[in-house]
Structures are given as structure tokens and as C-alpha cells.
């Protein structure tokens, strides 16, 4: 992997710069309320995230692209609700920039 394939740096809310070590990736998630959506990790660029997600997923899952939001998520190996193997939590200090698409 070259540095050209890594995501562009993003500035955190505290002013520090996040530099990715993995390529931008798309993951499916299910929250405790059984809503299923997709998160594009490694970017805050909504247009780029939508291109990676693809129109077929948007149509198949009924995702609302107008309500896509940027956030900082971090995966934790436990689920505080006790129903999943792992969860994402919002963490602006140690999380990864992401764009969240939900129905």
C-alpha cells in the first residue's frame, strides 16, 4: 500500500490532525434498535463516501443519502447493550472520521 492510497488527513474537533493508516472502507452496521445502515470509515467527504457505497446499496437498503452525516466512530470489542459482538461508539478524540448512511 502506498501513501497515495491512504485517505486524506482530517482535522479533529480539538484541532489535531487525523492521518489514516488504512484505506477508506465501507462497513454495514446494525444498531441496538435494529436499524441497518452503512458507515464509510476514513473520510468526511460525503460525495466520495457515496461513490464508494454505490447506488445499488442505496436502493436496496432504502438509505436516505440527504441525511448522511459525518461523525467520529471507534469500534469497541464489547457491546454495552449485550446483544452484539462489537459496537461503534462516537469518539472525537480517538475515533476514525466517517460518513454514516441510515434508512
Protein backbone atom coordinates (compact mmCIF):
# COMPACT_ATOMS: atom_id res chain seq x y z
CA UNK A 1 0.00 0.00 0.00
CA UNK A 2 1.32 3.39 -0.95
CA UNK A 3 0.63 6.65 0.78
CA UNK A 4 -1.37 7.68 -2.30
CA UNK A 5 -3.97 5.01 -1.46
CA UNK A 6 -4.43 6.29 2.10
CA UNK A 7 -7.22 8.74 2.96
CA UNK A 8 -6.58 12.46 3.16
CA UNK A 9 -5.88 13.88 6.65
CA UNK A 10 -8.89 15.25 8.56
CA UNK A 11 -8.78 17.79 11.39
CA UNK A 12 -10.41 16.67 14.64
CA UNK A 13 -12.69 18.97 16.65
CA UNK A 14 -9.83 19.53 19.12
CA UNK A 15 -7.57 20.82 16.31
CA UNK A 16 -5.32 17.76 16.00
CA UNK A 17 -4.91 16.10 12.60
CA UNK A 18 -6.07 12.55 11.96
CA UNK A 19 -3.98 10.63 9.43
CA UNK A 20 -5.34 7.32 8.21
CA UNK A 21 -3.30 4.13 8.19
CA UNK A 22 -5.90 2.07 6.29
CA UNK A 23 -7.71 2.73 3.00
CA UNK A 24 -11.25 4.13 3.10
CA UNK A 25 -13.67 1.24 3.66
CA UNK A 26 -17.41 0.56 3.75
CA UNK A 27 -18.95 -1.47 6.59
CA UNK A 28 -22.52 -2.45 7.38
CA UNK A 29 -23.81 -1.87 10.90
CA UNK A 30 -26.89 -2.68 12.94
CA UNK A 31 -27.67 -0.53 15.95
CA UNK A 32 -29.44 -1.66 19.15
CA UNK A 33 -32.77 -0.54 17.67
CA UNK A 34 -32.29 -2.94 14.71
CA UNK A 35 -31.72 -0.18 12.17
CA UNK A 36 -29.28 -1.31 9.50
CA UNK A 37 -27.09 1.13 7.62
CA UNK A 38 -23.63 1.65 6.24
CA UNK A 39 -20.66 3.58 7.51
CA UNK A 40 -17.79 4.70 5.28
CA UNK A 41 -14.73 4.87 7.53
CA UNK A 42 -11.72 7.07 6.78
CA UNK A 43 -13.30 10.17 5.25
CA UNK A 44 -15.62 13.10 5.89
CA UNK A 45 -16.13 13.63 2.14
CA UNK A 46 -19.81 12.71 1.63
CA UNK A 47 -19.58 12.63 -2.18
CA UNK A 48 -16.60 10.25 -2.10
CA UNK A 49 -18.33 8.08 0.51
CA UNK A 50 -21.49 7.89 -1.59
CA UNK A 51 -19.46 6.85 -4.64
CA UNK A 52 -17.82 4.06 -2.63
CA UNK A 53 -21.16 2.95 -1.20
CA UNK A 54 -22.74 2.63 -4.64
CA UNK A 55 -26.25 3.26 -5.93
CA UNK A 56 -27.21 -0.42 -5.66
CA UNK A 57 -26.80 -0.44 -1.87
CA UNK A 58 -28.61 2.88 -1.53
CA UNK A 59 -31.59 1.49 -3.45
CA UNK A 60 -31.55 -2.00 -1.88
CA UNK A 61 -31.45 -0.76 1.73
CA UNK A 62 -33.54 2.38 1.21
CA UNK A 63 -30.80 4.66 2.53
CA UNK A 64 -31.54 8.37 2.85
CA UNK A 65 -28.47 10.00 1.29
CA UNK A 66 -29.74 13.52 2.03
CA UNK A 67 -29.44 12.77 5.74
CA UNK A 68 -25.92 11.32 5.57
CA UNK A 69 -23.90 12.67 8.46
CA UNK A 70 -20.23 12.90 9.33
CA UNK A 71 -19.02 11.64 12.67
CA UNK A 72 -16.05 10.14 14.51
CA UNK A 73 -16.59 6.44 15.29
CA UNK A 74 -14.46 3.89 17.10
CA UNK A 75 -15.11 0.15 17.26
CA UNK A 76 -15.20 -1.38 20.72
CA UNK A 77 -14.93 -5.14 21.24
CA UNK A 78 -17.90 -5.29 23.55
CA UNK A 79 -21.49 -4.16 23.33
CA UNK A 80 -22.85 -2.20 26.27
CA UNK A 81 -26.33 -3.48 25.40
CA UNK A 82 -25.21 -7.14 25.45
CA UNK A 83 -26.71 -8.12 22.12
CA UNK A 84 -23.83 -7.80 19.62
CA UNK A 85 -20.21 -8.92 19.38
CA UNK A 86 -18.86 -5.42 18.85
CA UNK A 87 -20.19 -1.90 18.56
CA UNK A 88 -19.23 1.52 17.35
CA UNK A 89 -19.18 4.46 19.71
CA UNK A 90 -18.78 8.15 18.95
CA UNK A 91 -15.31 9.28 19.98
CA UNK A 92 -14.00 12.58 18.56
CA UNK A 93 -10.70 12.16 20.39
CA UNK A 94 -9.68 8.63 19.26
CA UNK A 95 -12.23 7.68 16.59
CA UNK A 96 -11.98 7.44 12.82
CA UNK A 97 -13.71 10.03 10.61
CA UNK A 98 -16.72 8.52 8.91
CA UNK A 99 -19.86 9.19 6.93
CA UNK A 100 -22.98 7.40 8.21
CA UNK A 101 -25.82 6.37 5.89
CA UNK A 102 -29.01 5.08 7.50
CA UNK A 103 -32.60 4.48 6.32
